[in-house]
Amino acid sequence: MRDEEGVLIIEGYRELKRALENGHRPSTLFYCSELFQGENEPGLIEQCRAADAEILACSVPVFEKIAYRDRPEGLLALAPQLRLTLDELALPENPLLLIVEQIEKPGNLGTMLRSADAAGVHAVIVCDRCTDINNPNVVRASIGTLFAVPVVDAGSEAVRAWLLERGIRVVAATPHTDRDYTTVDYTQGTAMLVGAEQYGLSAYWMEHADTHVRIPMLGQCDSLNVAAAATILLYEAVRQRRAYVEKE
């Protein structure tokens, strides 16, 4: 029903605030003042009203029934789904991208969106998705940064062709290499690539990535959570790019 109607559910104060800050306007807002966590919620309601959203007050029992969260905050909005395409991305020179392939858990995807936002990533590309980027749990786990970072959902072959056309190098994270992630130059156009939680990257991307890197594992565990790995890679790129600018 959500996909058929093209609807995205935004629940929570921070999530709705970031949606509005980034120009994503809700069509409908349900609210329950008895569940508010602070004093700023009325301001968000007025912003939604100014954006021509339909505003509907709810009782506690009604809101708890429509809410996704176990502890609802009294704000739930309906908005258009995100449908950005590769050709609609506006990228700077030497962009930093994050490509995530076949990620299964909304929590991991949301966490990687938070890391991408924090690291100043120019876009996140979801390849051959297993989790819908418009899933309410992705919105929640990203704490609304889904609206701050351009996100595209596309197939791997289309993504590779698009990257080749723009001269953006693909750096794949995998334990099956001897090259440490700190030994690669990320100051040029770079797409960091991480794979599914259980199986890692597909054979397609293992074959077509430009470079393979690993994060050293010094304990008994042989791999990191995919969101943790993505964060480490992105911040190495941030470190290198800052050093490059300071050197210039």
C-alpha atoms as a PDB file:
ATOM      1  CA  MET A   1       0.000   0.000   0.000  1.00  0.00           C
ATOM      2  CA  ARG A   2       2.813   2.435   0.900  1.00  0.00           C
ATOM      3  CA  ASP A   3       4.608   1.829  -2.418  1.00  0.00           C
ATOM      4  CA  GLU A   4       1.407   1.800  -4.445  1.00  0.00           C
ATOM      5  CA  GLU A   5       0.540   5.261  -3.169  1.00  0.00           C
ATOM      6  CA  GLY A   6       4.120   6.534  -3.253  1.00  0.00           C
ATOM      7  CA  VAL A   7       4.026   7.465   0.425  1.00  0.00           C
ATOM      8  CA  LEU A   8       6.929   7.854   2.834  1.00  0.00           C
ATOM      9  CA  ILE A   9       6.284   7.731   6.598  1.00  0.00           C
ATOM     10  CA  ILE A  10       8.288  10.172   8.721  1.00  0.00           C
ATOM     11  CA  GLU A  11       7.903   9.591  12.449  1.00  0.00           C
ATOM     12  CA  GLY A  12       9.602  11.563  15.206  1.00  0.00           C
ATOM     13  CA  TYR A  13      10.657  15.129  15.940  1.00  0.00           C
ATOM     14  CA  ARG A  14      14.233  15.014  14.598  1.00  0.00           C
ATOM     15  CA  GLU A  15      13.246  13.084  11.500  1.00  0.00           C
ATOM     16  CA  LEU A  16      10.455  15.509  10.608  1.00  0.00           C
ATOM     17  CA  LYS A  17      12.649  18.521  11.394  1.00  0.00           C
ATOM     18  CA  ARG A  18      15.372  17.322   9.007  1.00  0.00           C
ATOM     19  CA  ALA A  19      12.833  16.572   6.298  1.00  0.00           C
ATOM     20  CA  LEU A  20      11.511  20.134   6.497  1.00  0.00           C
ATOM     21  CA  GLU A  21      15.012  21.636   6.673  1.00  0.00           C
ATOM     22  CA  ASN A  22      15.880  19.856   3.436  1.00  0.00           C
ATOM     23  CA  GLY A  23      12.749  20.837   1.565  1.00  0.00           C
ATOM     24  CA  HIS A  24      10.910  17.522   1.813  1.00  0.00           C
ATOM     25  CA  ARG A  25       7.353  18.686   2.417  1.00  0.00           C
ATOM     26  CA  PRO A  26       4.773  16.400   4.051  1.00  0.00           C
ATOM     27  CA  SER A  27       1.279  16.076   2.669  1.00  0.00           C
ATOM     28  CA  THR A  28      -0.309  15.027   5.979  1.00  0.00           C
ATOM     29  CA  LEU A  29       0.716  15.347   9.620  1.00  0.00           C
ATOM     30  CA  PHE A  30      -0.789  13.390  12.503  1.00  0.00           C
ATOM     31  CA  TYR A  31       0.032  14.692  15.966  1.00  0.00           C
ATOM     32  CA  CYS A  32      -0.751  13.955  19.600  1.00  0.00           C
ATOM     33  CA  SER A  33       0.298  16.735  21.969  1.00  0.00           C
ATOM     34  CA  GLU A  34       0.088  14.443  25.021  1.00  0.00           C
ATOM     35  CA  LEU A  35       3.053  12.469  23.641  1.00  0.00           C
ATOM     36  CA  PHE A  36       5.326  15.419  22.858  1.00  0.00           C
ATOM     37  CA  GLN A  37       8.843  15.140  24.316  1.00  0.00           C
ATOM     38  CA  GLY A  38       9.583  18.883  24.545  1.00  0.00           C
ATOM     39  CA  GLU A  39       8.333  22.358  23.682  1.00  0.00           C
ATOM     40  CA  ASN A  40       9.361  22.683  20.027  1.00  0.00           C
ATOM     41  CA  GLU A  41       6.779  20.420  18.417  1.00  0.00           C
ATOM     42  CA  PRO A  42       4.184  23.185  17.857  1.00  0.00           C
ATOM     43  CA  GLY A  43       6.730  25.037  15.725  1.00  0.00           C
ATOM     44  CA  LEU A  44       7.109  22.001  13.460  1.00  0.00           C
ATOM     45  CA  ILE A  45       3.348  21.686  13.211  1.00  0.00           C
ATOM     46  CA  GLU A  46       3.148  25.285  12.014  1.00  0.00           C
ATOM     47  CA  GLN A  47       5.910  24.651   9.464  1.00  0.00           C
ATOM     48  CA  CYS A  48       3.902  21.719   8.120  1.00  0.00           C
ATOM     49  CA  ARG A  49       0.793  23.882   8.008  1.00  0.00           C
ATOM     50  CA  ALA A  50       2.696  26.563   6.097  1.00  0.00           C
ATOM     51  CA  ALA A  51       3.755  23.835   3.640  1.00  0.00           C
ATOM     52  CA  ASP A  52       0.049  23.133   3.008  1.00  0.00           C
ATOM     53  CA  ALA A  53       0.055  19.794   4.841  1.00  0.00           C
ATOM     54  CA  GLU A  54      -3.216  18.472   6.184  1.00  0.00           C
ATOM     55  CA  ILE A  55      -2.985  18.620   9.994  1.00  0.00           C
ATOM     56  CA  LEU A  56      -4.839  15.992  12.034  1.00  0.00           C
ATOM     57  CA  ALA A  57      -4.915  15.875  15.853  1.00  0.00           C
ATOM     58  CA  CYS A  58      -5.103  12.400  17.418  1.00  0.00           C
ATOM     59  CA  SER A  59      -5.868  10.960  20.818  1.00  0.00           C
ATOM     60  CA  VAL A  60      -3.201   8.894  22.561  1.00  0.00           C
ATOM     61  CA  PRO A  61      -4.832   5.519  21.735  1.00  0.00           C
ATOM     62  CA  VAL A  62      -5.265   6.462  18.066  1.00  0.00           C
ATOM     63  CA  PHE A  63      -1.707   7.742  17.677  1.00  0.00           C
ATOM     64  CA  GLU A  64      -0.229   4.703  19.392  1.00  0.00           C
ATOM     65  CA  LYS A  65      -2.104   2.528  16.913  1.00  0.00           C
ATOM     66  CA  ILE A  66      -0.762   4.305  13.819  1.00  0.00           C
ATOM     67  CA  ALA A  67       2.782   4.801  15.162  1.00  0.00           C
ATOM     68  CA  TYR A  68       5.683   2.517  14.235  1.00  0.00           C
ATOM     69  CA  ARG A  69       7.650   3.196  17.414  1.00  0.00           C
ATOM     70  CA  ASP A  70       7.184   1.482  20.736  1.00  0.00           C
ATOM     71  CA  ARG A  71       7.516   4.896  22.400  1.00  0.00           C
ATOM     72  CA  PRO A  72       5.957   7.369  19.964  1.00  0.00           C
ATOM     73  CA  GLU A  73       6.847  11.057  20.170  1.00  0.00           C
ATOM     74  CA  GLY A  74       3.515  12.366  18.937  1.00  0.00           C
ATOM     75  CA  LEU A  75       4.508  13.339  15.372  1.00  0.00           C
ATOM     76  CA  LEU A  76       3.971  11.235  12.234  1.00  0.00           C
ATOM     77  CA  ALA A  77       3.913  12.660   8.718  1.00  0.00           C
ATOM     78  CA  LEU A  78       3.170  11.311   5.260  1.00  0.00           C
ATOM     79  CA  ALA A  79       5.296  12.627   2.422  1.00  0.00           C
ATOM     80  CA  PRO A  80       6.239  11.694  -1.174  1.00  0.00           C
ATOM     81  CA  GLN A  81       8.741   8.862  -1.492  1.00  0.00           C
ATOM     82  CA  LEU A  82      12.326   9.579  -2.512  1.00  0.00           C
ATOM     83  CA  ARG A  83      12.827   8.745  -6.201  1.00  0.00           C
ATOM     84  CA  LEU A  84      16.108  10.399  -7.198  1.00  0.00           C
ATOM     85  CA  THR A  85      17.881   8.944 -10.247  1.00  0.00           C
ATOM     86  CA  LEU A  86      21.583   8.728 -11.126  1.00  0.00           C
ATOM     87  CA  ASP A  87      21.218  11.330 -13.878  1.00  0.00           C
ATOM     88  CA  GLU A  88      19.647  13.767 -11.418  1.00  0.00           C
ATOM     89  CA  LEU A  89      22.672  13.766  -9.111  1.00  0.00           C
ATOM     90  CA  ALA A  90      24.572  17.066  -9.129  1.00  0.00           C
ATOM     91  CA  LEU A  91      28.133  16.250  -8.097  1.00  0.00           C
ATOM     92  CA  PRO A  92      31.174  18.459  -7.543  1.00  0.00           C
ATOM     93  CA  GLU A  93      34.601  17.776  -8.974  1.00  0.00           C
ATOM     94  CA  ASN A  94      36.228  14.717  -7.362  1.00  0.00           C
ATOM     95  CA  PRO A  95      33.126  13.590  -5.461  1.00  0.00           C
ATOM     96  CA  LEU A  96      33.092  11.173  -2.547  1.00  0.00           C
ATOM     97  CA  LEU A  97      30.325   8.574  -2.849  1.00  0.00           C
ATOM     98  CA  LEU A  98      29.173   5.595  -0.805  1.00  0.00           C
ATOM     99  CA  ILE A  99      27.801   2.565  -2.658  1.00  0.00           C
ATOM    100  CA  VAL A 100      26.022  -0.075  -0.593  1.00  0.00           C
ATOM    101  CA  GLU A 101      25.113  -3.379  -2.228  1.00  0.00           C
ATOM    102  CA  GLN A 102      22.267  -5.659  -1.143  1.00  0.00           C
ATOM    103  CA  ILE A 103      22.073  -4.325   2.415  1.00  0.00           C
ATOM    104  CA  GLU A 104      19.371  -6.272   4.227  1.00  0.00           C
ATOM    105  CA  LYS A 105      18.852  -4.456   7.531  1.00  0.00           C
ATOM    106  CA  PRO A 106      17.166  -1.021   7.648  1.00  0.00           C
ATOM    107  CA  GLY A 107      19.186  -0.200  10.761  1.00  0.00           C
ATOM    108  CA  ASN A 108      22.480  -0.680   8.917  1.00  0.00           C
ATOM    109  CA  LEU A 109      21.342   1.381   5.948  1.00  0.00           C
ATOM    110  CA  GLY A 110      20.128   4.148   8.239  1.00  0.00           C
ATOM    111  CA  THR A 111      23.382   4.145  10.202  1.00  0.00           C
ATOM    112  CA  MET A 112      25.412   4.397   6.994  1.00  0.00           C
ATOM    113  CA  LEU A 113      23.305   7.379   5.936  1.00  0.00           C
ATOM    114  CA  ARG A 114      24.166   9.060   9.235  1.00  0.00           C
ATOM    115  CA  SER A 115      27.858   8.376   8.657  1.00  0.00           C
ATOM    116  CA  ALA A 116      27.620   9.609   5.064  1.00  0.00           C
ATOM    117  CA  ASP A 117      26.023  12.849   6.224  1.00  0.00           C
ATOM    118  CA  ALA A 118      28.634  13.323   8.958  1.00  0.00           C
ATOM    119  CA  ALA A 119      31.499  12.686   6.514  1.00  0.00           C
ATOM    120  CA  GLY A 120      30.153  15.066   3.881  1.00  0.00           C
ATOM    121  CA  VAL A 121      29.499  12.350   1.302  1.00  0.00           C
ATOM    122  CA  HIS A 122      28.021  13.769  -1.884  1.00  0.00           C
ATOM    123  CA  ALA A 123      25.626  10.870  -2.538  1.00  0.00           C
ATOM    124  CA  VAL A 124      24.724   7.370  -1.390  1.00  0.00           C
ATOM    125  CA  ILE A 125      23.878   4.786  -4.046  1.00  0.00           C
ATOM    126  CA  VAL A 126      21.936   1.684  -3.043  1.00  0.00           C
ATOM    127  CA  CYS A 127      22.676  -1.153  -5.505  1.00  0.00           C
ATOM    128  CA  ASP A 128      20.350  -4.116  -6.032  1.00  0.00           C
ATOM    129  CA  ARG A 129      18.527  -3.290  -2.852  1.00  0.00           C
ATOM    130  CA  CYS A 130      17.179  -5.726  -0.311  1.00  0.00           C
ATOM    131  CA  THR A 131      15.893  -2.895   1.892  1.00  0.00           C
ATOM    132  CA  ASP A 132      13.684  -0.113   0.553  1.00  0.00           C
ATOM    133  CA  ILE A 133      15.250   3.307   1.122  1.00  0.00           C
ATOM    134  CA  ASN A 134      11.725   4.578   1.904  1.00  0.00           C
ATOM    135  CA  ASN A 135      11.244   2.061   4.712  1.00  0.00           C
ATOM    136  CA  PRO A 136      10.128   3.921   7.892  1.00  0.00           C
ATOM    137  CA  ASN A 137      12.838   2.114   9.834  1.00  0.00           C
ATOM    138  CA  VAL A 138      15.494   3.518   7.477  1.00  0.00           C
ATOM    139  CA  VAL A 139      14.134   7.014   8.134  1.00  0.00           C
ATOM    140  CA  ARG A 140      14.252   6.318  11.852  1.00  0.00           C
ATOM    141  CA  ALA A 141      17.735   4.757  11.920  1.00  0.00           C
ATOM    142  CA  SER A 142      19.118   7.614   9.823  1.00  0.00           C
ATOM    143  CA  ILE A 143      17.552  10.151  12.229  1.00  0.00           C
ATOM    144  CA  GLY A 144      16.345  12.026   9.175  1.00  0.00           C
ATOM    145  CA  THR A 145      19.703  12.264   7.395  1.00  0.00           C
ATOM    146  CA  LEU A 146      18.002  10.347   4.583  1.00  0.00           C
ATOM    147  CA  PHE A 147      16.735  13.806   3.576  1.00  0.00           C
ATOM    148  CA  ALA A 148      20.132  15.503   3.900  1.00  0.00           C
ATOM    149  CA  VAL A 149      22.175  13.220   1.619  1.00  0.00           C
ATOM    150  CA  PRO A 150      21.142  12.501  -1.992  1.00  0.00           C
ATOM    151  CA  VAL A 151      20.176   8.800  -2.158  1.00  0.00           C
ATOM    152  CA  VAL A 152      19.718   6.810  -5.360  1.00  0.00           C
ATOM    153  CA  ASP A 153      18.393   3.275  -5.811  1.00  0.00           C
ATOM    154  CA  ALA A 154      19.803   1.595  -8.957  1.00  0.00           C
ATOM    155  CA  GLY A 155      21.086  -1.652 -10.449  1.00  0.00           C
ATOM    156  CA  SER A 156      24.775  -2.528 -10.325  1.00  0.00           C
ATOM    157  CA  GLU A 157      25.380  -2.513 -14.081  1.00  0.00           C
ATOM    158  CA  ALA A 158      23.762   0.907 -14.478  1.00  0.00           C
ATOM    159  CA  VAL A 159      25.791   2.241 -11.575  1.00  0.00           C
ATOM    160  CA  ARG A 160      29.071   0.928 -12.978  1.00  0.00           C
ATOM    161  CA  ALA A 161      28.390   2.468 -16.401  1.00  0.00           C
ATOM    162  CA  TRP A 162      27.515   5.793 -14.744  1.00  0.00           C
ATOM    163  CA  LEU A 163      30.731   5.745 -12.684  1.00  0.00           C
ATOM    164  CA  LEU A 164      32.894   4.887 -15.697  1.00  0.00           C
ATOM    165  CA  GLU A 165      31.390   7.748 -17.669  1.00  0.00           C
ATOM    166  CA  ARG A 166      32.389  10.173 -14.896  1.00  0.00           C
ATOM    167  CA  GLY A 167      35.799   8.705 -14.158  1.00  0.00           C
ATOM    168  CA  ILE A 168      34.942   7.859 -10.555  1.00  0.00           C
ATOM    169  CA  ARG A 169      37.090   5.089  -9.104  1.00  0.00           C
ATOM    170  CA  VAL A 170      35.444   2.256  -7.134  1.00  0.00           C
ATOM    171  CA  VAL A 171      37.178   1.118  -3.948  1.00  0.00           C
ATOM    172  CA  ALA A 172      35.706  -2.150  -2.671  1.00  0.00           C
ATOM    173  CA  ALA A 173      35.935  -3.199   0.962  1.00  0.00           C
ATOM    174  CA  THR A 174      36.632  -6.912   1.367  1.00  0.00           C
ATOM    175  CA  PRO A 175      38.632  -9.180   3.669  1.00  0.00           C
ATOM    176  CA  HIS A 176      39.927 -11.006   0.581  1.00  0.00           C
ATOM    177  CA  THR A 177      42.874  -8.729  -0.179  1.00  0.00           C
ATOM    178  CA  ASP A 178      46.202  -7.811   1.354  1.00  0.00           C
ATOM    179  CA  ARG A 179      45.913  -4.074   0.711  1.00  0.00           C
ATOM    180  CA  ASP A 180      45.101  -1.963   3.786  1.00  0.00           C
ATOM    181  CA  TYR A 181      42.528   0.772   3.338  1.00  0.00           C
ATOM    182  CA  THR A 182      44.988   3.488   4.447  1.00  0.00           C
ATOM    183  CA  THR A 183      47.324   2.828   1.487  1.00  0.00           C
ATOM    184  CA  VAL A 184      44.897   4.086  -1.190  1.00  0.00           C
ATOM    185  CA  ASP A 185      44.487   7.691  -2.385  1.00  0.00           C
ATOM    186  CA  TYR A 186      40.910   8.932  -1.869  1.00  0.00           C
ATOM    187  CA  THR A 187      41.450  12.565  -2.855  1.00  0.00           C
ATOM    188  CA  GLN A 188      40.177  12.039  -6.414  1.00  0.00           C
ATOM    189  CA  GLY A 189      36.640  11.054  -7.426  1.00  0.00           C
ATOM    190  CA  THR A 190      35.998   7.976  -5.278  1.00  0.00           C
ATOM    191  CA  ALA A 191      33.111   5.609  -4.595  1.00  0.00           C
ATOM    192  CA  MET A 192      33.500   3.536  -1.441  1.00  0.00           C
ATOM    193  CA  LEU A 193      31.779   0.169  -1.910  1.00  0.00           C
ATOM    194  CA  VAL A 194      30.513  -2.138   0.840  1.00  0.00           C
ATOM    195  CA  GLY A 195      28.447  -5.300   0.528  1.00  0.00           C
ATOM    196  CA  ALA A 196      25.762  -7.370   2.188  1.00  0.00           C
ATOM    197  CA  GLU A 197      25.979  -8.125   5.902  1.00  0.00           C
ATOM    198  CA  GLN A 198      26.359 -11.886   5.584  1.00  0.00           C
ATOM    199  CA  TYR A 199      28.080 -12.475   2.250  1.00  0.00           C
ATOM    200  CA  GLY A 200      29.865  -9.225   1.459  1.00  0.00           C
ATOM    201  CA  LEU A 201      30.214  -8.003  -2.111  1.00  0.00           C
ATOM    202  CA  SER A 202      28.867  -9.895  -5.101  1.00  0.00           C
ATOM    203  CA  ALA A 203      31.120 -11.483  -7.697  1.00  0.00           C
ATOM    204  CA  TYR A 204      30.106  -8.698 -10.090  1.00  0.00           C
ATOM    205  CA  TRP A 205      31.546  -5.928  -7.947  1.00  0.00           C
ATOM    206  CA  MET A 206      34.551  -7.969  -6.860  1.00  0.00           C
ATOM    207  CA  GLU A 207      35.414  -8.260 -10.545  1.00  0.00           C
ATOM    208  CA  HIS A 208      34.626  -4.703 -11.601  1.00  0.00           C
ATOM    209  CA  ALA A 209      35.907  -2.649  -8.677  1.00  0.00           C
ATOM    210  CA  ASP A 210      39.076  -0.681  -9.437  1.00  0.00           C
ATOM    211  CA  THR A 211      40.733  -1.383  -6.095  1.00  0.00           C
ATOM    212  CA  HIS A 212      40.148  -3.773  -3.184  1.00  0.00           C
ATOM    213  CA  VAL A 213      41.004  -2.778   0.378  1.00  0.00           C
ATOM    214  CA  ARG A 214      40.700  -4.345   3.790  1.00  0.00           C
ATOM    215  CA  ILE A 215      40.374  -3.054   7.331  1.00  0.00           C
ATOM    216  CA  PRO A 216      42.939  -4.871   9.507  1.00  0.00           C
ATOM    217  CA  MET A 217      41.340  -7.152  12.109  1.00  0.00           C
ATOM    218  CA  LEU A 218      43.652  -7.556  15.097  1.00  0.00           C
ATOM    219  CA  GLY A 219      41.415  -9.610  17.371  1.00  0.00           C
ATOM    220  CA  GLN A 220      39.494 -12.854  17.039  1.00  0.00           C
ATOM    221  CA  CYS A 221      36.665 -11.383  14.962  1.00  0.00           C
ATOM    222  CA  ASP A 222      37.244 -11.590  11.202  1.00  0.00           C
ATOM    223  CA  SER A 223      34.929  -8.770  10.085  1.00  0.00           C
ATOM    224  CA  LEU A 224      33.172  -5.596  11.203  1.00  0.00           C
ATOM    225  CA  ASN A 225      29.538  -4.629  11.012  1.00  0.00           C
ATOM    226  CA  VAL A 226      29.032  -3.185   7.530  1.00  0.00           C
ATOM    227  CA  ALA A 227      27.989   0.214   8.879  1.00  0.00           C
ATOM    228  CA  ALA A 228      31.091   0.379  11.088  1.00  0.00           C
ATOM    229  CA  ALA A 229      33.303  -0.574   8.145  1.00  0.00           C
ATOM    230  CA  ALA A 230      31.736   2.073   5.916  1.00  0.00           C
ATOM    231  CA  THR A 231      32.275   4.720   8.590  1.00  0.00           C
ATOM    232  CA  ILE A 232      35.965   3.863   8.956  1.00  0.00           C
ATOM    233  CA  LEU A 233      36.515   4.030   5.190  1.00  0.00           C
ATOM    234  CA  LEU A 234      34.678   7.329   4.808  1.00  0.00           C
ATOM    235  CA  TYR A 235      36.616   9.024   7.579  1.00  0.00           C
ATOM    236  CA  GLU A 236      39.920   7.922   6.073  1.00  0.00           C
ATOM    237  CA  ALA A 237      38.786   9.696   2.912  1.00  0.00           C
ATOM    238  CA  VAL A 238      37.861  12.760   4.989  1.00  0.00           C
ATOM    239  CA  ARG A 239      41.294  12.725   6.654  1.00  0.00           C
ATOM    240  CA  GLN A 240      43.110  12.496   3.328  1.00  0.00           C
ATOM    241  CA  ARG A 241      41.028  15.192   1.680  1.00  0.00           C
ATOM    242  CA  ARG A 242      41.581  17.606   4.557  1.00  0.00           C
ATOM    243  CA  ALA A 243      45.312  16.960   4.478  1.00  0.00           C
ATOM    244  CA  TYR A 244      45.335  17.515   0.710  1.00  0.00           C
ATOM    245  CA  VAL A 245      43.551  20.869   1.022  1.00  0.00           C
ATOM    246  CA  GLU A 246      45.865  22.018   3.820  1.00  0.00           C
ATOM    247  CA  LYS A 247      48.888  21.023   1.747  1.00  0.00           C
ATOM    248  CA  GLU A 248      47.622  23.027  -1.201  1.00  0.00           C
END
